[in-house]
Amino acid sequence: MKLLFLPSIYLLMISHAMAVDTRQVSGFVGQPITLKPGYANTSTISTIEWSIFTNNTFIATFRGGKVRVDRIAQFQGRLKLNKDNGDLEIRDLKEGDSLLYIAEITKTGGKQPRIEIQLSVKQRLEKPTITTLFNKMENGSCVMVLRCSSPLQGTNISWKSEPSLVNEAFFQKSVGNSTELFVFFKQNASRYVNLTCVTANDDSEEFEVVEMTYKGDKPIFLPILYHKPCISDFVICLIFVFGVIVGGLFAYKFNEKLKKMVDNCKEKWIRNSTV
């Protein structure tokens, strides 16, 4: 038993010493990502084998000087392999691409340590949707209820205001995959409020803004507009000068032609009159 036990310990120690380098990376649906083994550009790489699953299902290889990235249908047309450093680019990520990717590379000096990269593909947040549930002006006070929702489950949704309404009624509560906002404050003719809904998860953040103002005694909401840059006075001046120059040249050429026509007609009239 001892003779069998000692080799087992020895093999366990060897396997521990040759521990696999495992990395965690994440990407978003529809976006590209590059899995990097970490080798600098070098001409000493002789073979590259990228695989998934534990049974070595090859998805991209470089063997005998040839690159193949069309090995399985799941990644058809979406892979690009760099034969100089082993980088594997995956385009148009899909949720099903969340897998363990294994890179085994052989250089001139021999086989390199096995690289494992665990890819997690996540859904990027979309802009939230704001809807008005209640909006009323009564006795000089404004009462409103807004709902902000996100199509992605498990999203944190919150409201904030600018300027701050901390000294007035400003309550929010979660309802399913949305957050409802209750606001109550007194009317002020010069008052405006920007209400912002923020959605966030561990990977990204999005927001939507509405501006509340007054039209008479009724509160209304306006989208936040981003104005395009106007044409400067200098550009307008250049256009005007260019038009004057072109018009002058046209008039000059036209007058020359008109003068020649008049002279020709005059000569013909004189010849006809002397005959």
C-alpha atoms as a PDB file:
ATOM      1  CA  MET A   1       0.000   0.000   0.000  1.00  0.00           C
ATOM      2  CA  LYS A   2       2.806   2.418   0.862  1.00  0.00           C
ATOM      3  CA  LEU A   3       4.428   1.783  -2.518  1.00  0.00           C
ATOM      4  CA  LEU A   4       1.180   2.705  -4.284  1.00  0.00           C
ATOM      5  CA  PHE A   5       0.522   5.662  -2.009  1.00  0.00           C
ATOM      6  CA  LEU A   6       3.881   7.390  -2.583  1.00  0.00           C
ATOM      7  CA  PRO A   7       3.592   7.588  -6.413  1.00  0.00           C
ATOM      8  CA  SER A   8       0.079   9.040  -6.015  1.00  0.00           C
ATOM      9  CA  ILE A   9       1.414  11.790  -3.752  1.00  0.00           C
ATOM     10  CA  TYR A  10       4.219  12.442  -6.221  1.00  0.00           C
ATOM     11  CA  LEU A  11       1.810  12.776  -9.153  1.00  0.00           C
ATOM     12  CA  LEU A  12      -0.445  15.064  -7.113  1.00  0.00           C
ATOM     13  CA  MET A  13       2.510  17.310  -6.331  1.00  0.00           C
ATOM     14  CA  ILE A  14       3.493  17.449  -9.996  1.00  0.00           C
ATOM     15  CA  SER A  15      -0.037  18.303 -11.108  1.00  0.00           C
ATOM     16  CA  HIS A  16      -0.235  21.043  -8.465  1.00  0.00           C
ATOM     17  CA  ALA A  17       3.108  22.474  -9.623  1.00  0.00           C
ATOM     18  CA  MET A  18       1.799  22.574 -13.206  1.00  0.00           C
ATOM     19  CA  ALA A  19      -1.386  24.372 -12.152  1.00  0.00           C
ATOM     20  CA  VAL A  20      -3.475  25.720 -15.005  1.00  0.00           C
ATOM     21  CA  ASP A  21      -3.604  29.497 -15.474  1.00  0.00           C
ATOM     22  CA  THR A  22      -7.367  30.273 -15.288  1.00  0.00           C
ATOM     23  CA  ARG A  23      -8.691  33.779 -15.995  1.00  0.00           C
ATOM     24  CA  GLN A  24     -12.122  35.402 -15.805  1.00  0.00           C
ATOM     25  CA  VAL A  25     -13.284  37.835 -18.524  1.00  0.00           C
ATOM     26  CA  SER A  26     -16.672  39.274 -19.452  1.00  0.00           C
ATOM     27  CA  GLY A  27     -18.259  40.790 -22.552  1.00  0.00           C
ATOM     28  CA  PHE A  28     -21.611  42.093 -23.759  1.00  0.00           C
ATOM     29  CA  VAL A  29     -24.088  40.606 -26.225  1.00  0.00           C
ATOM     30  CA  GLY A  30     -23.471  41.912 -29.746  1.00  0.00           C
ATOM     31  CA  GLN A  31     -19.985  43.233 -28.947  1.00  0.00           C
ATOM     32  CA  PRO A  32     -16.590  41.713 -29.855  1.00  0.00           C
ATOM     33  CA  ILE A  33     -14.023  40.424 -27.375  1.00  0.00           C
ATOM     34  CA  THR A  34     -10.443  39.171 -27.702  1.00  0.00           C
ATOM     35  CA  LEU A  35      -9.197  36.284 -25.576  1.00  0.00           C
ATOM     36  CA  LYS A  36      -5.486  36.795 -24.941  1.00  0.00           C
ATOM     37  CA  PRO A  37      -3.136  33.984 -23.882  1.00  0.00           C
ATOM     38  CA  GLY A  38      -0.552  36.659 -23.032  1.00  0.00           C
ATOM     39  CA  TYR A  39       2.221  35.972 -25.534  1.00  0.00           C
ATOM     40  CA  ALA A  40       4.034  38.842 -27.248  1.00  0.00           C
ATOM     41  CA  ASN A  41       4.213  38.837 -31.040  1.00  0.00           C
ATOM     42  CA  THR A  42       6.760  36.176 -31.941  1.00  0.00           C
ATOM     43  CA  SER A  43       7.591  33.954 -34.864  1.00  0.00           C
ATOM     44  CA  THR A  44       8.497  31.021 -32.605  1.00  0.00           C
ATOM     45  CA  ILE A  45       4.882  29.767 -32.269  1.00  0.00           C
ATOM     46  CA  SER A  46       4.432  26.570 -34.244  1.00  0.00           C
ATOM     47  CA  THR A  47       0.922  25.451 -33.209  1.00  0.00           C
ATOM     48  CA  ILE A  48      -2.144  27.040 -31.565  1.00  0.00           C
ATOM     49  CA  GLU A  49      -5.196  25.092 -30.423  1.00  0.00           C
ATOM     50  CA  TRP A  50      -8.271  26.816 -28.975  1.00  0.00           C
ATOM     51  CA  SER A  51     -10.928  24.457 -27.635  1.00  0.00           C
ATOM     52  CA  ILE A  52     -14.061  24.388 -25.498  1.00  0.00           C
ATOM     53  CA  PHE A  53     -15.410  21.765 -23.070  1.00  0.00           C
ATOM     54  CA  THR A  54     -13.269  19.099 -21.455  1.00  0.00           C
ATOM     55  CA  ASN A  55     -13.221  16.822 -24.507  1.00  0.00           C
ATOM     56  CA  ASN A  56     -11.099  19.273 -26.510  1.00  0.00           C
ATOM     57  CA  THR A  57     -13.691  20.430 -29.047  1.00  0.00           C
ATOM     58  CA  PHE A  58     -11.436  22.569 -31.227  1.00  0.00           C
ATOM     59  CA  ILE A  59     -12.874  25.874 -32.456  1.00  0.00           C
ATOM     60  CA  ALA A  60      -9.741  27.541 -33.881  1.00  0.00           C
ATOM     61  CA  THR A  61      -6.320  26.125 -34.740  1.00  0.00           C
ATOM     62  CA  PHE A  62      -3.002  27.032 -36.324  1.00  0.00           C
ATOM     63  CA  ARG A  63      -1.189  23.951 -37.581  1.00  0.00           C
ATOM     64  CA  GLY A  64       1.303  23.449 -40.378  1.00  0.00           C
ATOM     65  CA  GLY A  65       1.253  27.144 -41.169  1.00  0.00           C
ATOM     66  CA  LYS A  66      -2.545  27.176 -41.755  1.00  0.00           C
ATOM     67  CA  VAL A  67      -5.235  28.922 -39.704  1.00  0.00           C
ATOM     68  CA  ARG A  68      -8.685  27.327 -39.323  1.00  0.00           C
ATOM     69  CA  VAL A  69     -11.553  29.163 -37.604  1.00  0.00           C
ATOM     70  CA  ASP A  70     -14.541  27.371 -39.193  1.00  0.00           C
ATOM     71  CA  ARG A  71     -14.437  24.154 -37.221  1.00  0.00           C
ATOM     72  CA  ILE A  72     -17.918  24.295 -35.590  1.00  0.00           C
ATOM     73  CA  ALA A  73     -21.189  25.964 -36.613  1.00  0.00           C
ATOM     74  CA  GLN A  74     -21.692  27.924 -33.372  1.00  0.00           C
ATOM     75  CA  PHE A  75     -18.807  30.293 -34.199  1.00  0.00           C
ATOM     76  CA  GLN A  76     -19.139  30.272 -37.991  1.00  0.00           C
ATOM     77  CA  GLY A  77     -17.912  33.603 -39.401  1.00  0.00           C
ATOM     78  CA  ARG A  78     -17.269  35.101 -35.945  1.00  0.00           C
ATOM     79  CA  LEU A  79     -13.693  34.048 -35.103  1.00  0.00           C
ATOM     80  CA  LYS A  80     -10.308  35.562 -35.946  1.00  0.00           C
ATOM     81  CA  LEU A  81      -7.073  33.907 -34.801  1.00  0.00           C
ATOM     82  CA  ASN A  82      -3.775  35.780 -34.571  1.00  0.00           C
ATOM     83  CA  LYS A  83      -1.089  33.214 -35.431  1.00  0.00           C
ATOM     84  CA  ASP A  84       1.693  35.453 -34.093  1.00  0.00           C
ATOM     85  CA  ASN A  85       0.537  35.671 -30.466  1.00  0.00           C
ATOM     86  CA  GLY A  86      -2.422  33.267 -30.151  1.00  0.00           C
ATOM     87  CA  ASP A  87      -5.090  35.957 -29.549  1.00  0.00           C
ATOM     88  CA  LEU A  88      -8.614  34.782 -30.412  1.00  0.00           C
ATOM     89  CA  GLU A  89     -11.225  37.405 -31.349  1.00  0.00           C
ATOM     90  CA  ILE A  90     -14.917  36.512 -31.053  1.00  0.00           C
ATOM     91  CA  ARG A  91     -17.285  38.919 -32.847  1.00  0.00           C
ATOM     92  CA  ASP A  92     -21.002  39.500 -32.243  1.00  0.00           C
ATOM     93  CA  LEU A  93     -21.072  37.800 -28.836  1.00  0.00           C
ATOM     94  CA  LYS A  94     -24.069  35.645 -27.923  1.00  0.00           C
ATOM     95  CA  GLU A  95     -25.230  34.460 -24.514  1.00  0.00           C
ATOM     96  CA  GLY A  96     -24.358  30.891 -25.537  1.00  0.00           C
ATOM     97  CA  ASP A  97     -20.692  31.939 -25.851  1.00  0.00           C
ATOM     98  CA  SER A  98     -20.395  31.910 -22.047  1.00  0.00           C
ATOM     99  CA  LEU A  99     -17.977  28.986 -21.923  1.00  0.00           C
ATOM    100  CA  LEU A 100     -14.557  27.882 -20.718  1.00  0.00           C
ATOM    101  CA  TYR A 101     -12.016  28.473 -23.508  1.00  0.00           C
ATOM    102  CA  ILE A 102      -8.744  26.531 -23.456  1.00  0.00           C
ATOM    103  CA  ALA A 103      -5.585  27.602 -25.303  1.00  0.00           C
ATOM    104  CA  GLU A 104      -2.672  25.209 -25.849  1.00  0.00           C
ATOM    105  CA  ILE A 105       0.309  26.703 -27.645  1.00  0.00           C
ATOM    106  CA  THR A 106       3.547  25.112 -28.783  1.00  0.00           C
ATOM    107  CA  LYS A 107       6.650  27.212 -29.353  1.00  0.00           C
ATOM    108  CA  THR A 108      10.115  26.301 -30.569  1.00  0.00           C
ATOM    109  CA  GLY A 109      11.173  25.394 -27.036  1.00  0.00           C
ATOM    110  CA  GLY A 110       8.220  23.071 -26.492  1.00  0.00           C
ATOM    111  CA  LYS A 111       4.611  23.113 -25.289  1.00  0.00           C
ATOM    112  CA  GLN A 112       3.606  26.115 -23.184  1.00  0.00           C
ATOM    113  CA  PRO A 113       1.468  26.007 -20.024  1.00  0.00           C
ATOM    114  CA  ARG A 114      -2.225  25.460 -20.725  1.00  0.00           C
ATOM    115  CA  ILE A 115      -4.348  28.654 -20.580  1.00  0.00           C
ATOM    116  CA  GLU A 116      -8.000  28.597 -19.459  1.00  0.00           C
ATOM    117  CA  ILE A 117     -10.260  31.636 -19.909  1.00  0.00           C
ATOM    118  CA  GLN A 118     -13.781  31.624 -18.486  1.00  0.00           C
ATOM    119  CA  LEU A 119     -15.937  33.982 -20.577  1.00  0.00           C
ATOM    120  CA  SER A 120     -19.185  35.426 -19.204  1.00  0.00           C
ATOM    121  CA  VAL A 121     -21.426  37.119 -21.797  1.00  0.00           C
ATOM    122  CA  LYS A 122     -23.874  39.615 -20.323  1.00  0.00           C
ATOM    123  CA  GLN A 123     -26.751  41.703 -21.617  1.00  0.00           C
ATOM    124  CA  ARG A 124     -25.936  45.406 -21.799  1.00  0.00           C
ATOM    125  CA  LEU A 125     -28.469  47.696 -20.168  1.00  0.00           C
ATOM    126  CA  GLU A 126     -30.880  49.619 -22.382  1.00  0.00           C
ATOM    127  CA  LYS A 127     -32.139  53.112 -21.615  1.00  0.00           C
ATOM    128  CA  PRO A 128     -35.006  53.002 -19.101  1.00  0.00           C
ATOM    129  CA  THR A 129     -38.580  53.910 -20.012  1.00  0.00           C
ATOM    130  CA  ILE A 130     -40.400  56.699 -18.125  1.00  0.00           C
ATOM    131  CA  THR A 131     -44.208  56.864 -18.045  1.00  0.00           C
ATOM    132  CA  THR A 132     -46.544  59.310 -16.283  1.00  0.00           C
ATOM    133  CA  LEU A 133     -49.095  57.647 -13.988  1.00  0.00           C
ATOM    134  CA  PHE A 134     -50.530  60.783 -12.350  1.00  0.00           C
ATOM    135  CA  ASN A 135     -49.967  64.489 -12.920  1.00  0.00           C
ATOM    136  CA  LYS A 136     -52.133  67.195 -11.336  1.00  0.00           C
ATOM    137  CA  MET A 137     -51.938  70.785 -10.128  1.00  0.00           C
ATOM    138  CA  GLU A 138     -54.215  71.589  -7.197  1.00  0.00           C
ATOM    139  CA  ASN A 139     -54.312  74.559  -4.789  1.00  0.00           C
ATOM    140  CA  GLY A 140     -50.948  75.806  -6.038  1.00  0.00           C
ATOM    141  CA  SER A 141     -49.254  72.457  -5.459  1.00  0.00           C
ATOM    142  CA  CYS A 142     -48.032  69.887  -7.933  1.00  0.00           C
ATOM    143  CA  VAL A 143     -48.619  66.179  -7.399  1.00  0.00           C
ATOM    144  CA  MET A 144     -47.162  63.615  -9.779  1.00  0.00           C
ATOM    145  CA  VAL A 145     -46.376  59.917  -9.985  1.00  0.00           C
ATOM    146  CA  LEU A 146     -43.873  58.619 -12.541  1.00  0.00           C
ATOM    147  CA  ARG A 147     -42.800  55.074 -13.312  1.00  0.00           C
ATOM    148  CA  CYS A 148     -39.366  54.065 -14.561  1.00  0.00           C
ATOM    149  CA  SER A 149     -38.890  50.533 -15.912  1.00  0.00           C
ATOM    150  CA  SER A 150     -36.171  48.422 -17.487  1.00  0.00           C
ATOM    151  CA  PRO A 151     -36.619  45.343 -19.720  1.00  0.00           C
ATOM    152  CA  LEU A 152     -33.681  43.590 -18.037  1.00  0.00           C
ATOM    153  CA  GLN A 153     -34.466  41.630 -14.880  1.00  0.00           C
ATOM    154  CA  GLY A 154     -32.416  42.205 -11.723  1.00  0.00           C
ATOM    155  CA  THR A 155     -31.701  45.872 -12.507  1.00  0.00           C
ATOM    156  CA  ASN A 156     -31.326  48.496  -9.791  1.00  0.00           C
ATOM    157  CA  ILE A 157     -33.627  51.442 -10.581  1.00  0.00           C
ATOM    158  CA  SER A 158     -33.566  54.777  -8.748  1.00  0.00           C
ATOM    159  CA  TRP A 159     -34.668  58.399  -9.162  1.00  0.00           C
ATOM    160  CA  LYS A 160     -32.893  61.680  -8.507  1.00  0.00           C
ATOM    161  CA  SER A 161     -33.787  65.333  -9.096  1.00  0.00           C
ATOM    162  CA  GLU A 162     -31.966  68.515 -10.066  1.00  0.00           C
ATOM    163  CA  PRO A 163     -32.362  70.790  -8.208  1.00  0.00           C
ATOM    164  CA  SER A 164     -32.741  68.531  -5.204  1.00  0.00           C
ATOM    165  CA  LEU A 165     -36.223  68.017  -3.723  1.00  0.00           C
ATOM    166  CA  VAL A 166     -35.015  66.640  -0.395  1.00  0.00           C
ATOM    167  CA  ASN A 167     -37.002  69.255   1.555  1.00  0.00           C
ATOM    168  CA  GLU A 168     -40.250  68.294  -0.132  1.00  0.00           C
ATOM    169  CA  ALA A 169     -42.146  65.065  -0.710  1.00  0.00           C
ATOM    170  CA  PHE A 170     -39.960  62.841  -2.879  1.00  0.00           C
ATOM    171  CA  PHE A 171     -40.721  59.144  -2.355  1.00  0.00           C
ATOM    172  CA  GLN A 172     -39.848  56.144  -4.502  1.00  0.00           C
ATOM    173  CA  LYS A 173     -40.686  52.473  -4.219  1.00  0.00           C
ATOM    174  CA  SER A 174     -39.916  49.351  -6.253  1.00  0.00           C
ATOM    175  CA  VAL A 175     -42.811  47.677  -8.053  1.00  0.00           C
ATOM    176  CA  GLY A 176     -41.744  44.535  -9.925  1.00  0.00           C
ATOM    177  CA  ASN A 177     -39.066  45.468 -12.464  1.00  0.00           C
ATOM    178  CA  SER A 178     -39.771  49.196 -12.125  1.00  0.00           C
ATOM    179  CA  THR A 179     -39.553  52.005  -9.588  1.00  0.00           C
ATOM    180  CA  GLU A 180     -42.379  54.503  -9.056  1.00  0.00           C
ATOM    181  CA  LEU A 181     -41.697  58.080  -7.957  1.00  0.00           C
ATOM    182  CA  PHE A 182     -44.124  60.250  -5.966  1.00  0.00           C
ATOM    183  CA  VAL A 183     -43.382  63.993  -5.958  1.00  0.00           C
ATOM    184  CA  PHE A 184     -45.308  66.777  -4.206  1.00  0.00           C
ATOM    185  CA  PHE A 185     -44.212  70.433  -4.078  1.00  0.00           C
ATOM    186  CA  LYS A 186     -45.631  73.937  -4.334  1.00  0.00           C
ATOM    187  CA  GLN A 187     -45.770  75.771  -7.634  1.00  0.00           C
ATOM    188  CA  ASN A 188     -43.207  78.456  -8.349  1.00  0.00           C
ATOM    189  CA  ALA A 189     -43.432  80.413 -11.597  1.00  0.00           C
ATOM    190  CA  SER A 190     -39.677  80.345 -12.118  1.00  0.00           C
ATOM    191  CA  ARG A 191     -39.251  76.711 -11.114  1.00  0.00           C
ATOM    192  CA  TYR A 192     -38.016  73.820 -13.221  1.00  0.00           C
ATOM    193  CA  VAL A 193     -37.050  70.306 -12.194  1.00  0.00           C
ATOM    194  CA  ASN A 194     -34.994  67.709 -14.061  1.00  0.00           C
ATOM    195  CA  LEU A 195     -36.011  64.212 -12.995  1.00  0.00           C
ATOM    196  CA  THR A 196     -33.515  61.462 -13.800  1.00  0.00           C
ATOM    197  CA  CYS A 197     -34.128  57.732 -13.719  1.00  0.00           C
ATOM    198  CA  VAL A 198     -30.953  55.683 -13.322  1.00  0.00           C
ATOM    199  CA  THR A 199     -30.720  51.946 -14.068  1.00  0.00           C
ATOM    200  CA  ALA A 200     -27.598  50.019 -13.089  1.00  0.00           C
ATOM    201  CA  ASN A 201     -26.172  46.554 -12.574  1.00  0.00           C
ATOM    202  CA  ASP A 202     -22.709  45.230 -11.787  1.00  0.00           C
ATOM    203  CA  ASP A 203     -21.424  45.979 -15.296  1.00  0.00           C
ATOM    204  CA  SER A 204     -23.042  49.137 -16.692  1.00  0.00           C
ATOM    205  CA  GLU A 205     -25.320  52.096 -16.050  1.00  0.00           C
ATOM    206  CA  GLU A 206     -27.933  53.944 -18.130  1.00  0.00           C
ATOM    207  CA  PHE A 207     -30.242  56.881 -17.450  1.00  0.00           C
ATOM    208  CA  GLU A 208     -33.155  58.879 -18.873  1.00  0.00           C
ATOM    209  CA  VAL A 209     -34.010  62.499 -18.053  1.00  0.00           C
ATOM    210  CA  VAL A 210     -37.253  64.491 -18.279  1.00  0.00           C
ATOM    211  CA  GLU A 211     -37.672  68.187 -17.506  1.00  0.00           C
ATOM    212  CA  MET A 212     -40.761  69.376 -15.650  1.00  0.00           C
ATOM    213  CA  THR A 213     -41.929  72.947 -16.190  1.00  0.00           C
ATOM    214  CA  TYR A 214     -45.213  74.882 -16.175  1.00  0.00           C
ATOM    215  CA  LYS A 215     -47.560  76.005 -18.902  1.00  0.00           C
ATOM    216  CA  GLY A 216     -50.024  78.252 -17.171  1.00  0.00           C
ATOM    217  CA  ASP A 217     -51.052  76.367 -14.071  1.00  0.00           C
ATOM    218  CA  LYS A 218     -50.410  72.921 -15.532  1.00  0.00           C
ATOM    219  CA  PRO A 219     -47.158  70.955 -15.082  1.00  0.00           C
ATOM    220  CA  ILE A 220     -45.789  69.487 -18.296  1.00  0.00           C
ATOM    221  CA  PHE A 221     -42.791  67.324 -19.149  1.00  0.00           C
ATOM    222  CA  LEU A 222     -40.309  68.109 -21.882  1.00  0.00           C
ATOM    223  CA  PRO A 223     -37.552  65.898 -23.300  1.00  0.00           C
ATOM    224  CA  ILE A 224     -34.029  67.177 -22.757  1.00  0.00           C
ATOM    225  CA  LEU A 225     -32.942  68.562 -26.107  1.00  0.00           C
ATOM    226  CA  TYR A 226     -29.369  68.591 -27.361  1.00  0.00           C
ATOM    227  CA  HIS A 227     -28.953  71.455 -29.821  1.00  0.00           C
ATOM    228  CA  LYS A 228     -26.844  71.054 -32.929  1.00  0.00           C
ATOM    229  CA  PRO A 229     -24.091  73.641 -33.391  1.00  0.00           C
ATOM    230  CA  CYS A 230     -25.172  76.684 -35.395  1.00  0.00           C
ATOM    231  CA  ILE A 231     -23.378  77.992 -38.489  1.00  0.00           C
ATOM    232  CA  SER A 232     -21.068  80.812 -37.426  1.00  0.00           C
ATOM    233  CA  ASP A 233     -21.300  84.370 -38.798  1.00  0.00           C
ATOM    234  CA  PHE A 234     -17.878  83.892 -40.393  1.00  0.00           C
ATOM    235  CA  VAL A 235     -19.144  80.941 -42.465  1.00  0.00           C
ATOM    236  CA  ILE A 236     -22.230  82.917 -43.517  1.00  0.00           C
ATOM    237  CA  CYS A 237     -19.981  85.811 -44.559  1.00  0.00           C
ATOM    238  CA  LEU A 238     -17.803  83.497 -46.661  1.00  0.00           C
ATOM    239  CA  ILE A 239     -20.882  82.082 -48.399  1.00  0.00           C
ATOM    240  CA  PHE A 240     -22.116  85.610 -49.161  1.00  0.00           C
ATOM    241  CA  VAL A 241     -18.750  86.727 -50.589  1.00  0.00           C
ATOM    242  CA  PHE A 242     -18.490  83.573 -52.677  1.00  0.00           C
ATOM    243  CA  GLY A 243     -21.979  84.217 -54.079  1.00  0.00           C
ATOM    244  CA  VAL A 244     -21.091  87.799 -54.991  1.00  0.00           C
ATOM    245  CA  ILE A 245     -17.905  86.704 -56.789  1.00  0.00           C
ATOM    246  CA  VAL A 246     -19.654  83.941 -58.751  1.00  0.00           C
ATOM    247  CA  GLY A 247     -22.512  86.304 -59.618  1.00  0.00           C
ATOM    248  CA  GLY A 248     -20.063  88.973 -60.801  1.00  0.00           C
ATOM    249  CA  LEU A 249     -18.170  86.526 -63.024  1.00  0.00           C
ATOM    250  CA  PHE A 250     -21.411  85.258 -64.503  1.00  0.00           C
ATOM    251  CA  ALA A 251     -22.614  88.815 -65.186  1.00  0.00           C
ATOM    252  CA  TYR A 252     -19.243  89.761 -66.764  1.00  0.00           C
ATOM    253  CA  LYS A 253     -19.289  86.784 -69.142  1.00  0.00           C
ATOM    254  CA  PHE A 254     -22.945  87.370 -69.963  1.00  0.00           C
ATOM    255  CA  ASN A 255     -22.289  91.050 -70.753  1.00  0.00           C
ATOM    256  CA  GLU A 256     -19.396  90.144 -73.056  1.00  0.00           C
ATOM    257  CA  LYS A 257     -21.600  87.721 -75.007  1.00  0.00           C
ATOM    258  CA  LEU A 258     -24.409  90.266 -75.113  1.00  0.00           C
ATOM    259  CA  LYS A 259     -22.038  92.967 -76.422  1.00  0.00           C
ATOM    260  CA  LYS A 260     -20.768  90.660 -79.202  1.00  0.00           C
ATOM    261  CA  MET A 261     -24.337  89.829 -80.202  1.00  0.00           C
ATOM    262  CA  VAL A 262     -25.215  93.536 -80.412  1.00  0.00           C
ATOM    263  CA  ASP A 263     -22.071  94.303 -82.484  1.00  0.00           C
ATOM    264  CA  ASN A 264     -22.832  91.457 -84.899  1.00  0.00           C
ATOM    265  CA  CYS A 265     -26.399  92.610 -85.320  1.00  0.00           C
ATOM    266  CA  LYS A 266     -25.206  96.195 -85.913  1.00  0.00           C
ATOM    267  CA  GLU A 267     -22.717  95.084 -88.602  1.00  0.00           C
ATOM    268  CA  LYS A 268     -25.372  92.995 -90.390  1.00  0.00           C
ATOM    269  CA  TRP A 269     -27.804  95.921 -90.287  1.00  0.00           C
ATOM    270  CA  ILE A 270     -25.172  98.284 -91.735  1.00  0.00           C
ATOM    271  CA  ARG A 271     -24.310  95.836 -94.572  1.00  0.00           C
ATOM    272  CA  ASN A 272     -27.926  95.279 -95.400  1.00  0.00           C
ATOM    273  CA  SER A 273     -28.664  98.986 -95.420  1.00  0.00           C
ATOM    274  CA  THR A 274     -25.823  99.763 -97.885  1.00  0.00           C
ATOM    275  CA  VAL A 275     -26.796  97.087-100.363  1.00  0.00           C
END
